[in-house]
Protein backbone atom coordinates (compact mmCIF):
# COMPACT_ATOMS: atom_id res chain seq x y z
CA MET A 1 -7.77 -7.23 -27.81
CA ARG A 2 -10.90 -4.83 -27.47
CA ARG A 3 -14.03 -5.02 -25.01
CA LEU A 4 -17.22 -4.33 -26.24
CA ARG A 5 -18.56 -3.50 -22.82
CA ASN A 6 -17.11 -0.39 -19.74
CA VAL A 7 -17.63 -3.02 -16.95
CA LYS A 8 -14.51 -4.72 -15.59
CA ILE A 9 -15.36 -8.53 -14.84
CA VAL A 10 -13.06 -10.01 -11.91
CA ALA A 11 -12.99 -13.67 -12.02
CA THR A 12 -11.62 -15.94 -9.18
CA LEU A 13 -9.24 -18.85 -9.81
CA GLY A 14 -9.26 -21.90 -8.21
CA PRO A 15 -9.74 -25.96 -8.35
CA ALA A 16 -11.75 -24.81 -11.75
CA SER A 17 -9.51 -22.59 -13.17
CA ASP A 18 -6.10 -24.37 -12.74
CA ASP A 19 -4.51 -24.37 -15.41
CA TYR A 20 -3.20 -21.60 -18.55
CA GLU A 21 -5.47 -22.83 -21.13
CA THR A 22 -8.53 -22.54 -18.78
CA ILE A 23 -7.15 -18.61 -17.46
CA LEU A 24 -6.59 -17.78 -20.61
CA ALA A 25 -9.58 -18.73 -22.04
CA LEU A 26 -11.21 -16.83 -19.23
CA PHE A 27 -9.26 -13.77 -20.76
CA ARG A 28 -10.70 -14.49 -23.86
CA ALA A 29 -14.40 -14.58 -22.69
CA GLY A 30 -13.73 -11.10 -20.99
CA ALA A 31 -11.99 -11.30 -17.31
CA ASP A 32 -10.05 -8.35 -17.22
CA VAL A 33 -8.68 -9.26 -13.52
CA PHE A 34 -8.35 -12.60 -11.60
CA ARG A 35 -8.78 -12.50 -8.22
CA LEU A 36 -6.34 -15.04 -5.73
CA ASN A 37 -8.11 -16.27 -2.85
CA MET A 38 -5.98 -16.43 -0.43
CA SER A 39 -8.41 -17.85 2.12
CA HIS A 40 -8.04 -21.23 -0.42
CA GLY A 41 -4.73 -22.91 -1.79
CA GLU A 42 -1.39 -22.65 -0.32
CA HIS A 43 1.67 -20.48 -1.78
CA GLY A 44 3.01 -22.77 -3.74
CA GLU A 45 0.08 -22.09 -5.64
CA ILE A 46 -0.83 -18.85 -5.32
CA ARG A 47 2.13 -18.95 -6.99
CA GLU A 48 1.68 -21.08 -9.91
CA ARG A 49 -1.70 -18.80 -10.08
CA HIS A 50 0.23 -15.68 -10.69
CA ALA A 51 2.80 -16.96 -12.74
CA MET A 52 0.14 -18.46 -15.50
CA ILE A 53 -2.06 -15.14 -15.52
CA ARG A 54 0.73 -13.10 -16.26
CA LYS A 55 1.87 -15.57 -18.81
CA VAL A 56 -1.27 -15.12 -20.78
CA GLU A 57 -0.67 -11.11 -19.86
CA LYS A 58 2.32 -11.75 -22.61
CA GLU A 59 0.30 -13.55 -25.11
CA THR A 60 -2.16 -11.49 -25.92
CA GLY A 61 -0.46 -8.44 -25.32
CA ARG A 62 -2.66 -6.77 -22.83
CA PRO A 63 -2.27 -5.15 -19.03
CA ILE A 64 -3.86 -8.24 -16.72
CA GLY A 65 -4.96 -6.89 -13.22
CA ILE A 66 -3.97 -9.74 -9.99
CA LEU A 67 -5.88 -9.41 -6.83
CA ALA A 68 -4.82 -11.30 -4.33
CA ASP A 69 -7.95 -10.97 -1.20
CA LEU A 70 -7.09 -11.63 2.14
CA GLN A 71 -8.82 -13.98 4.33
CA GLY A 72 -8.93 -11.90 7.21
CA PRO A 73 -9.75 -12.84 11.63
CA LYS A 74 -12.13 -16.39 10.81
CA LEU A 75 -14.78 -16.40 14.09
CA ARG A 76 -15.60 -19.93 14.49
CA VAL A 77 -17.31 -22.12 17.45
CA GLY A 78 -15.57 -25.26 18.61
CA GLU A 79 -15.78 -29.21 17.94
CA PHE A 80 -19.50 -30.69 19.31
CA ARG A 81 -19.19 -33.89 21.40
CA ASN A 82 -22.00 -35.57 18.22
CA GLY A 83 -20.32 -33.73 15.78
CA SER A 84 -23.79 -31.18 15.68
CA GLU A 85 -26.63 -30.12 17.65
CA MET A 86 -30.11 -28.78 16.80
CA LEU A 87 -30.98 -25.81 19.13
CA GLU A 88 -34.72 -24.85 19.54
CA GLU A 89 -36.44 -21.64 19.68
CA GLY A 90 -36.43 -20.04 22.51
CA GLN A 91 -34.49 -22.77 24.15
CA GLY A 92 -31.07 -20.92 26.36
CA PHE A 93 -27.41 -21.64 25.01
CA ARG A 94 -24.24 -20.37 26.57
CA LEU A 95 -21.16 -20.05 25.16
CA ASP A 96 -17.52 -19.92 26.75
CA LEU A 97 -13.67 -20.76 26.70
CA ASP A 98 -13.53 -23.93 28.37
CA ASP A 99 -12.69 -26.26 25.40
CA THR A 100 -14.24 -29.37 25.91
CA GLU A 101 -16.74 -30.46 23.63
CA GLY A 102 -20.14 -29.08 23.34
CA ASP A 103 -23.52 -30.57 23.61
CA ALA A 104 -26.78 -29.10 23.08
CA THR A 105 -27.00 -26.63 25.91
CA ARG A 106 -22.88 -24.91 25.56
CA VAL A 107 -20.02 -24.72 22.98
CA ASN A 108 -16.52 -23.33 22.52
CA LEU A 109 -16.38 -20.11 21.33
CA PRO A 110 -12.63 -18.98 21.21
CA HIS A 111 -12.83 -14.76 21.17
CA PRO A 112 -12.60 -13.70 24.17
CA GLU A 113 -12.52 -10.30 22.37
CA ILE A 114 -16.13 -11.02 21.22
CA PHE A 115 -17.24 -11.26 25.53
CA ALA A 116 -15.33 -8.98 25.31
CA ALA A 117 -17.79 -6.65 23.49
CA LEU A 118 -21.08 -8.34 23.37
CA LYS A 119 -23.41 -6.68 25.52
CA PRO A 120 -27.36 -8.14 26.94
CA GLY A 121 -29.15 -6.80 24.13
CA SER A 122 -26.65 -8.27 21.30
CA VAL A 123 -27.26 -10.66 18.96
CA LEU A 124 -25.01 -13.23 17.76
CA LEU A 125 -25.30 -15.27 14.27
CA ILE A 126 -24.04 -18.39 13.68
CA ASN A 127 -24.08 -20.42 10.32
CA ASP A 128 -23.96 -17.47 8.07
CA GLY A 129 -27.42 -16.39 10.21
CA LYS A 130 -28.82 -19.08 10.41
CA ILE A 131 -29.10 -19.34 13.93
CA ARG A 132 -29.59 -16.01 15.86
CA ILE A 133 -28.80 -15.70 19.83
CA GLU A 134 -29.59 -12.87 22.04
CA ILE A 135 -27.29 -12.71 24.36
CA THR A 136 -28.86 -11.80 28.23
CA LYS A 137 -25.45 -11.92 29.70
CA VAL A 138 -21.59 -11.69 29.54
CA GLY A 139 -18.94 -12.13 30.87
CA PRO A 140 -15.29 -12.40 30.51
CA ASP A 141 -15.17 -15.76 29.64
CA PHE A 142 -18.85 -16.38 28.48
CA ALA A 143 -22.11 -15.41 27.15
CA GLU A 144 -25.83 -16.83 27.46
CA GLY A 145 -28.33 -16.08 25.65
CA THR A 146 -31.28 -17.00 24.35
CA VAL A 147 -32.08 -19.17 21.23
CA VAL A 148 -34.08 -17.17 19.03
CA ALA A 149 -33.57 -18.36 15.02
CA GLY A 150 -32.76 -22.39 16.00
CA GLY A 151 -31.36 -25.19 13.21
CA GLU A 152 -28.89 -27.35 13.64
CA ILE A 153 -25.10 -25.77 14.59
CA SER A 154 -22.03 -28.29 13.95
CA ASN A 155 -18.77 -28.32 14.27
CA ARG A 156 -16.41 -24.89 13.34
CA LYS A 157 -19.60 -22.74 11.94
CA GLY A 158 -18.71 -19.41 11.73
CA VAL A 159 -20.21 -16.70 13.80
CA ASN A 160 -21.27 -13.46 12.51
CA VAL A 161 -21.67 -10.23 15.66
CA PRO A 162 -22.77 -7.49 13.67
CA ASP A 163 -23.73 -4.91 16.24
CA VAL A 164 -20.38 -4.20 17.96
CA VAL A 165 -17.48 -3.21 16.65
CA LEU A 166 -15.32 -5.55 17.79
CA PRO A 167 -11.56 -4.88 19.47
CA LEU A 168 -10.06 -7.17 16.38
CA ALA A 169 -7.28 -6.31 14.08
CA ALA A 170 -8.65 -6.97 10.31
CA LEU A 171 -5.05 -8.67 9.98
CA SER A 172 -4.59 -11.90 11.21
CA ASP A 173 -1.05 -13.68 11.61
CA LYS A 174 -2.07 -15.19 9.12
CA ASP A 175 -2.95 -11.89 6.31
CA ARG A 176 0.44 -10.73 6.97
CA ARG A 177 2.68 -13.59 6.15
CA ASP A 178 0.18 -14.05 3.07
CA LEU A 179 0.12 -9.75 2.60
CA GLU A 180 3.96 -10.24 2.63
CA PHE A 181 3.84 -13.29 0.05
CA VAL A 182 1.58 -11.52 -2.80
CA CYS A 183 3.58 -7.99 -2.50
CA GLN A 184 6.69 -9.96 -2.70
CA LEU A 185 5.09 -11.81 -5.94
CA GLY A 186 4.07 -8.94 -7.31
CA VAL A 187 -0.24 -8.22 -7.19
CA ASP A 188 -1.84 -5.18 -8.13
CA TRP A 189 -4.11 -5.38 -5.74
CA LEU A 190 -4.86 -6.36 -2.52
CA ALA A 191 -8.35 -6.85 -0.67
CA LEU A 192 -8.58 -5.99 3.24
CA SER A 193 -11.28 -8.53 4.71
CA PHE A 194 -12.88 -7.33 8.26
CA VAL A 195 -12.83 -3.72 7.97
CA GLN A 196 -14.36 -2.39 10.82
CA ARG A 197 -12.68 1.53 11.06
CA PRO A 198 -10.30 3.38 8.79
CA GLU A 199 -7.28 2.81 10.77
CA ASP A 200 -7.62 -1.65 9.51
CA VAL A 201 -7.22 0.00 6.09
CA LEU A 202 -3.95 2.29 7.26
CA GLU A 203 -2.66 -0.43 9.48
CA ALA A 204 -2.29 -2.57 6.10
CA ARG A 205 -1.01 0.66 3.69
CA GLU A 206 1.85 0.85 5.61
CA LEU A 207 3.17 -2.99 5.92
CA VAL A 208 2.06 -3.09 1.94
CA ALA A 209 4.17 0.14 1.41
CA GLY A 210 3.14 1.12 -1.65
CA ARG A 211 3.92 -2.39 -3.27
CA CYS A 212 0.59 -2.61 -4.59
CA ALA A 213 -3.35 -0.82 -4.44
CA ILE A 214 -5.75 -1.23 -1.65
CA LEU A 215 -9.12 -2.58 -1.49
CA ALA A 216 -11.75 -2.51 1.58
CA LYS A 217 -13.80 -4.97 1.89
CA ILE A 218 -17.14 -3.54 3.25
CA GLU A 219 -19.06 -6.72 4.61
CA LYS A 220 -19.92 -4.99 8.14
CA PRO A 221 -22.37 -2.76 9.74
CA ALA A 222 -19.44 -0.87 10.83
CA ALA A 223 -17.60 -0.31 8.30
CA VAL A 224 -20.88 0.86 6.25
CA LEU A 225 -21.16 3.55 9.00
CA SER A 226 -18.01 4.80 8.74
CA PHE A 227 -17.71 4.16 4.99
CA GLU A 228 -16.64 7.72 3.63
CA LYS A 229 -13.68 7.50 6.50
CA ILE A 230 -12.19 4.21 5.09
CA LEU A 231 -13.04 5.07 1.36
CA ALA A 232 -10.82 8.55 2.29
CA VAL A 233 -7.49 6.27 3.27
CA SER A 234 -7.97 3.09 0.35
CA ASP A 235 -7.54 3.06 -3.10
CA GLY A 236 -10.55 0.61 -4.15
CA ILE A 237 -14.07 -0.54 -2.46
CA MET A 238 -15.33 -4.44 -2.82
CA VAL A 239 -19.20 -4.04 -1.81
CA ALA A 240 -19.16 -7.62 -0.24
CA ARG A 241 -22.74 -8.31 -0.06
CA GLY A 242 -22.32 -11.90 1.22
CA ASP A 243 -21.74 -10.65 4.74
CA LEU A 244 -23.31 -7.80 4.66
CA GLY A 245 -26.90 -9.46 4.07
CA VAL A 246 -25.35 -12.57 7.07
CA GLU A 247 -25.40 -9.11 9.23
CA LEU A 248 -28.01 -6.24 8.01
CA PRO A 249 -31.31 -7.06 7.75
CA VAL A 250 -31.06 -8.87 3.25
CA GLN A 251 -33.88 -5.76 2.57
CA ASN A 252 -30.91 -2.66 3.94
CA VAL A 253 -28.24 -4.22 0.96
CA PRO A 254 -29.94 -3.10 -1.94
CA PRO A 255 -30.12 0.62 -1.21
CA ILE A 256 -26.35 0.47 0.85
CA GLN A 257 -24.77 -1.36 -2.31
CA LYS A 258 -26.13 1.95 -5.03
CA ARG A 259 -24.91 4.16 -2.29
CA LEU A 260 -21.86 2.60 -1.86
CA VAL A 261 -21.53 2.43 -5.62
CA ARG A 262 -21.95 6.05 -6.20
CA THR A 263 -19.81 7.69 -3.08
CA CYS A 264 -16.57 5.79 -4.98
CA ARG A 265 -17.69 7.54 -8.35
CA ALA A 266 -17.62 10.67 -7.16
CA ALA A 267 -14.37 9.95 -5.07
CA ALA A 268 -12.73 8.60 -8.25
CA LYS A 269 -12.21 5.15 -6.52
CA PRO A 270 -12.96 1.89 -8.30
CA VAL A 271 -15.40 -0.23 -6.66
CA ILE A 272 -16.45 -3.68 -7.10
CA VAL A 273 -19.99 -5.49 -6.65
CA ALA A 274 -19.28 -8.70 -5.36
CA THR A 275 -20.88 -12.03 -3.94
CA GLN A 276 -23.38 -15.23 -5.49
CA MET A 277 -23.63 -12.75 -8.81
CA LEU A 278 -23.86 -15.88 -10.81
CA GLU A 279 -24.32 -18.29 -7.89
CA SER A 280 -26.45 -21.11 -10.00
CA MET A 281 -23.85 -21.74 -12.49
CA ILE A 282 -21.63 -23.17 -10.18
CA GLU A 283 -24.21 -26.28 -11.11
CA SER A 284 -25.83 -24.86 -14.18
CA PRO A 285 -24.45 -23.70 -17.86
CA MET A 286 -27.41 -20.97 -17.36
CA PRO A 287 -27.95 -18.41 -15.04
CA THR A 288 -31.61 -17.46 -13.43
CA ARG A 289 -33.65 -14.80 -14.80
CA ALA A 290 -32.75 -13.67 -11.18
CA GLU A 291 -29.39 -13.61 -11.51
CA VAL A 292 -28.75 -11.50 -14.54
CA SER A 293 -31.44 -9.28 -13.26
CA ASP A 294 -29.05 -8.57 -10.01
CA VAL A 295 -25.95 -8.04 -12.19
CA ALA A 296 -27.45 -5.96 -14.81
CA ALA A 297 -29.17 -3.53 -11.64
CA ALA A 298 -25.08 -3.44 -10.64
CA ILE A 299 -23.64 -2.45 -13.92
CA TYR A 300 -26.95 0.15 -14.79
CA GLU A 301 -25.74 1.44 -10.87
CA GLY A 302 -22.48 2.62 -12.60
CA THR A 303 -20.19 0.23 -10.81
CA ASP A 304 -16.95 -0.14 -12.49
CA ALA A 305 -16.09 -4.24 -11.73
CA VAL A 306 -18.60 -6.98 -10.93
CA MET A 307 -16.95 -10.35 -9.61
CA LEU A 308 -17.53 -14.19 -10.01
CA SER A 309 -16.63 -16.03 -6.83
CA ALA A 310 -17.32 -19.64 -6.74
CA GLU A 311 -18.58 -19.81 -10.64
CA SER A 312 -15.19 -19.17 -11.99
CA ALA A 313 -12.79 -20.93 -9.16
CA ALA A 314 -15.04 -24.02 -8.14
CA GLY A 315 -17.91 -24.06 -10.30
CA ARG A 316 -18.58 -26.43 -13.30
CA PHE A 317 -19.01 -23.98 -16.17
CA PRO A 318 -16.21 -20.82 -15.51
CA ILE A 319 -15.89 -19.84 -18.75
CA GLN A 320 -19.56 -19.67 -19.57
CA ALA A 321 -20.71 -17.97 -16.88
CA VAL A 322 -17.88 -15.64 -17.62
CA THR A 323 -19.20 -15.26 -20.74
CA THR A 324 -22.79 -14.92 -19.15
CA MET A 325 -21.37 -11.55 -17.44
CA ASN A 326 -19.38 -10.53 -20.66
CA ASN A 327 -22.92 -11.09 -22.18
CA VAL A 328 -25.03 -9.27 -19.76
CA ALA A 329 -22.68 -6.32 -19.30
CA ILE A 330 -22.62 -5.41 -23.08
CA GLU A 331 -26.64 -6.23 -23.79
CA VAL A 332 -27.34 -3.53 -20.40
CA GLU A 333 -24.53 -0.70 -22.14
CA ASN A 334 -26.60 -0.90 -25.07
CA ASP A 335 -29.72 0.07 -23.62
CA PRO A 336 -30.74 3.56 -24.37
CA THR A 337 -32.25 3.59 -20.26
CA TYR A 338 -28.15 3.06 -19.25
CA ARG A 339 -26.99 6.43 -20.73
CA GLU A 340 -29.58 8.42 -19.22
CA ILE A 341 -29.33 6.92 -15.85
CA ILE A 342 -25.44 7.32 -16.04
CA ASN A 343 -25.63 11.00 -17.40
CA ALA A 344 -28.11 11.50 -14.45
CA SER A 345 -25.67 10.72 -11.99
CA ARG A 346 -23.13 12.13 -12.68
CA ALA A 347 -21.67 14.27 -10.15
CA GLY A 348 -21.69 18.17 -11.46
CA GLU A 349 -19.43 19.85 -8.69
CA LYS A 350 -16.26 20.33 -10.06
CA GLN A 351 -13.18 21.66 -7.56
CA THR A 352 -10.67 21.80 -9.34
CA ILE A 353 -8.51 22.15 -12.67
CA ALA A 354 -8.09 18.49 -13.57
CA ASP A 355 -11.69 18.08 -13.05
CA ALA A 356 -12.63 20.36 -15.02
CA ILE A 357 -10.10 18.94 -17.68
CA VAL A 358 -12.31 15.62 -17.43
CA SER A 359 -14.74 17.14 -18.16
CA ALA A 360 -14.28 19.32 -20.95
CA ALA A 361 -13.03 16.11 -22.42
CA ARG A 362 -15.89 14.37 -22.08
CA GLU A 363 -18.51 17.24 -23.18
CA ILE A 364 -16.40 17.64 -26.37
CA ALA A 365 -16.53 14.35 -26.76
CA GLU A 366 -20.12 14.06 -27.07
CA THR A 367 -21.04 16.90 -29.14
CA THR A 368 -18.87 16.46 -31.90
CA ASP A 369 -17.81 13.53 -33.33
CA ILE A 370 -14.93 12.96 -31.60
CA LYS A 371 -13.77 9.05 -31.24
CA ALA A 372 -12.01 8.22 -28.17
CA ILE A 373 -10.93 10.04 -25.18
CA CYS A 374 -7.33 9.71 -24.68
CA CYS A 375 -5.59 9.90 -21.13
CA TYR A 376 -1.75 9.62 -20.74
CA SER A 377 -1.07 9.13 -17.12
CA GLU A 378 1.88 7.49 -15.62
CA SER A 379 0.02 7.31 -12.11
CA GLY A 380 -3.25 7.11 -13.09
CA THR A 381 -4.95 9.71 -11.54
CA THR A 382 -5.77 11.27 -14.99
CA ALA A 383 -7.14 7.52 -16.12
CA LEU A 384 -9.21 7.52 -12.74
CA LEU A 385 -11.42 11.25 -13.04
CA THR A 386 -11.62 10.16 -16.66
CA ALA A 387 -13.51 7.15 -15.74
CA ARG A 388 -15.72 8.85 -13.48
CA GLU A 389 -17.70 10.92 -16.52
CA ARG A 390 -18.89 7.72 -17.73
CA PRO A 391 -17.84 9.25 -21.57
CA HIS A 392 -20.16 7.72 -24.14
CA VAL A 393 -17.22 7.31 -26.30
CA PRO A 394 -14.04 4.83 -25.49
CA ILE A 395 -10.79 6.18 -23.16
CA LEU A 396 -7.25 4.51 -23.69
CA ALA A 397 -5.52 5.30 -20.70
CA LEU A 398 -1.46 5.59 -21.63
CA THR A 399 1.21 4.94 -19.57
CA SER A 400 4.86 3.98 -19.28
CA ARG A 401 4.24 2.26 -16.19
CA ARG A 402 3.31 -1.43 -16.57
CA GLY A 403 1.85 -1.39 -12.52
CA THR A 404 -0.62 0.95 -13.23
CA ALA A 405 -2.01 -0.03 -16.50
CA ARG A 406 -2.58 -3.35 -14.73
CA ARG A 407 -3.80 -1.56 -11.43
CA LEU A 408 -6.32 0.72 -13.77
CA ALA A 409 -7.59 -2.40 -15.69
CA LEU A 410 -9.87 -2.92 -12.47
CA SER A 411 -12.06 0.88 -13.47
CA TRP A 412 -15.00 1.13 -15.78
CA GLY A 413 -14.09 1.81 -19.23
CA LEU A 414 -10.52 1.80 -18.94
CA HIS A 415 -8.43 0.25 -22.26
CA CYS A 416 -4.97 0.41 -21.13
CA VAL A 417 -2.10 0.69 -22.96
CA MET A 418 1.76 0.71 -22.25
CA THR A 419 3.74 2.80 -24.34
CA GLY A 420 7.38 4.60 -23.62
CA GLU A 421 7.64 7.37 -21.90
CA VAL A 422 7.28 11.34 -22.75
CA GLU A 423 8.90 14.79 -22.36
CA ARG A 424 6.69 16.39 -24.60
CA PHE A 425 3.21 16.98 -24.62
CA LYS A 426 3.13 16.47 -28.83
CA MET A 427 4.52 13.23 -28.24
CA ALA A 428 1.89 12.30 -26.17
CA VAL A 429 -0.67 12.93 -28.54
CA VAL A 430 1.66 10.95 -31.23
CA ASN A 431 1.58 8.03 -29.28
CA ALA A 432 -2.36 8.88 -28.77
CA ALA A 433 -2.58 8.58 -32.19
CA ARG A 434 -1.04 5.23 -32.87
CA ALA A 435 -2.84 3.54 -30.03
CA ALA A 436 -6.13 4.70 -31.22
CA ARG A 437 -5.28 3.54 -34.72
CA GLU A 438 -3.60 0.23 -33.98
CA ASP A 439 -6.60 -1.15 -30.81
CA GLY A 440 -9.37 -0.19 -34.01
CA PHE A 441 -10.91 2.94 -32.00
CA ALA A 442 -9.94 5.18 -34.69
CA ASP A 443 -8.28 5.78 -37.97
CA LYS A 444 -6.24 8.22 -39.76
CA THR A 445 -9.70 10.42 -40.84
CA GLU A 446 -11.15 10.54 -37.36
CA GLN A 447 -10.59 12.38 -34.24
CA ILE A 448 -9.35 11.67 -30.33
CA VAL A 449 -9.30 14.04 -27.48
CA VAL A 450 -6.19 13.68 -24.99
CA THR A 451 -5.68 14.73 -22.47
CA ALA A 452 -2.29 14.59 -19.74
CA GLY A 453 -0.44 16.49 -16.99
CA ILE A 454 2.45 19.10 -17.80
CA PRO A 455 5.10 18.50 -16.53
CA PHE A 456 4.90 14.76 -16.98
CA ASN A 457 5.51 12.50 -14.35
CA GLN A 458 3.85 14.50 -11.39
CA PRO A 459 0.27 12.92 -10.00
CA GLY A 460 -3.19 14.93 -10.29
CA SER A 461 -1.76 17.93 -12.30
CA THR A 462 -4.19 17.28 -15.14
CA ASN A 463 -3.56 20.14 -17.19
CA ILE A 464 -4.08 20.85 -20.84
CA LEU A 465 -6.73 19.16 -23.43
CA ARG A 466 -6.47 18.49 -27.08
CA VAL A 467 -8.47 17.82 -30.05
CA ALA A 468 -6.28 15.90 -32.61
CA PRO A 469 -5.93 14.23 -35.52
CA CYS A 470 -5.33 10.11 -35.73
CA ASP A 471 -2.82 11.23 -38.42
CA GLU A 472 0.59 11.89 -37.50
CA ARG A 473 1.67 14.22 -40.41
CA LEU A 474 -1.18 16.38 -39.88
CA ILE A 475 -0.14 16.47 -36.20
CA PHE A 476 3.10 17.65 -36.82
CA SER A 477 2.68 19.49 -39.71
CA ARG A 478 0.69 21.63 -37.29
CA ASP A 479 2.68 21.73 -34.63
CA PRO A 480 6.62 20.90 -35.62
CA GLU A 481 7.91 21.42 -32.73
């Protein structure tokens, strides 16, 4: 199954997409990677969804990526005697460790680590930022402040602390259990919530022990400030705009999104733009024009993937949501302006032989009649470097490792193909020619570019390029050895 666009689509599974037929329909509509949200669903349900995805993969013959998204620590207030209270602007309010039910003057906040990090002048956000409290006094077991934005506060509402780094690990006890479960289950990507510093990613990496790739979610101001260091120790990034929009002024989010996407592309690491992309389609079969423009803007920026959350997990129109996203992507990528923007944002500096090889492959494809770039990539490095170039011809990523093919399903433009192990470059060329023909990218009269690393099976060793015909007879006649 060949996609007619390069950006990938991540679809979250949930109650609205919890059966085999729907998951198959979501894949056929355009989903390339399925997200398992560990905040919802027991391990048994997650296991069943995982099995259904792998069944779809087997039926369609296409590698499918699976992303498990950890919940992360959840900071919430306690409960109120009346269930809820109205806080007025200018009134005082106290949060403390007292577990008695709250009222209009105070409530329990069972997180002493928050009190340890707060200081006078800090801002506490409650209920997705709808309530804002400026802290005036702090102790080891309480914080008092003034309500600067009032509203209704009710049981177990979430708390955000945007302007301090909290002394909290990104992995809760639940996350550690979930991490081990999904790694044993066999997922391809692990999304890490509540990342504030690179050490959070390194802690998860030690626990993962190479069983899947790690994607850091950028959802806190501290993560934005430490982004380059976090990116350096991560395999990919998710721009989680929902939480960013709570903890930062909303007008700050679009430029941050653009900067993070470009930085990830320069590093040849996949990036997902996520949250509220087609949110109205939870209840409506049609998106708003603003939502379509939002999805289009992320694609114009060159993101690797766009993500559906509740739209495909709990909405009334999951398949239509994926179809809409697929159609928007096709339309944007057919716009000549898209290619102009992508070309203008390409990083110019080439630092390694591999950089030069994949850049040359793209330039050859753009100046001659080449139908596809085929990169033989056991670890995925060659494919990721090729995707960074954003060529105007298709990219076939050939690998004998199913885990590599599944992981690369998240990256821009990569059409992943399973192939046998090879020891000689000529056989890599033959396999590439066959894959290009069989999957409809070229015929026997046309040519492809093939890149690989010699010797094989050594990550990051991309060092050879060949322009080859798609007819094996010509390959063997030109290179009988």
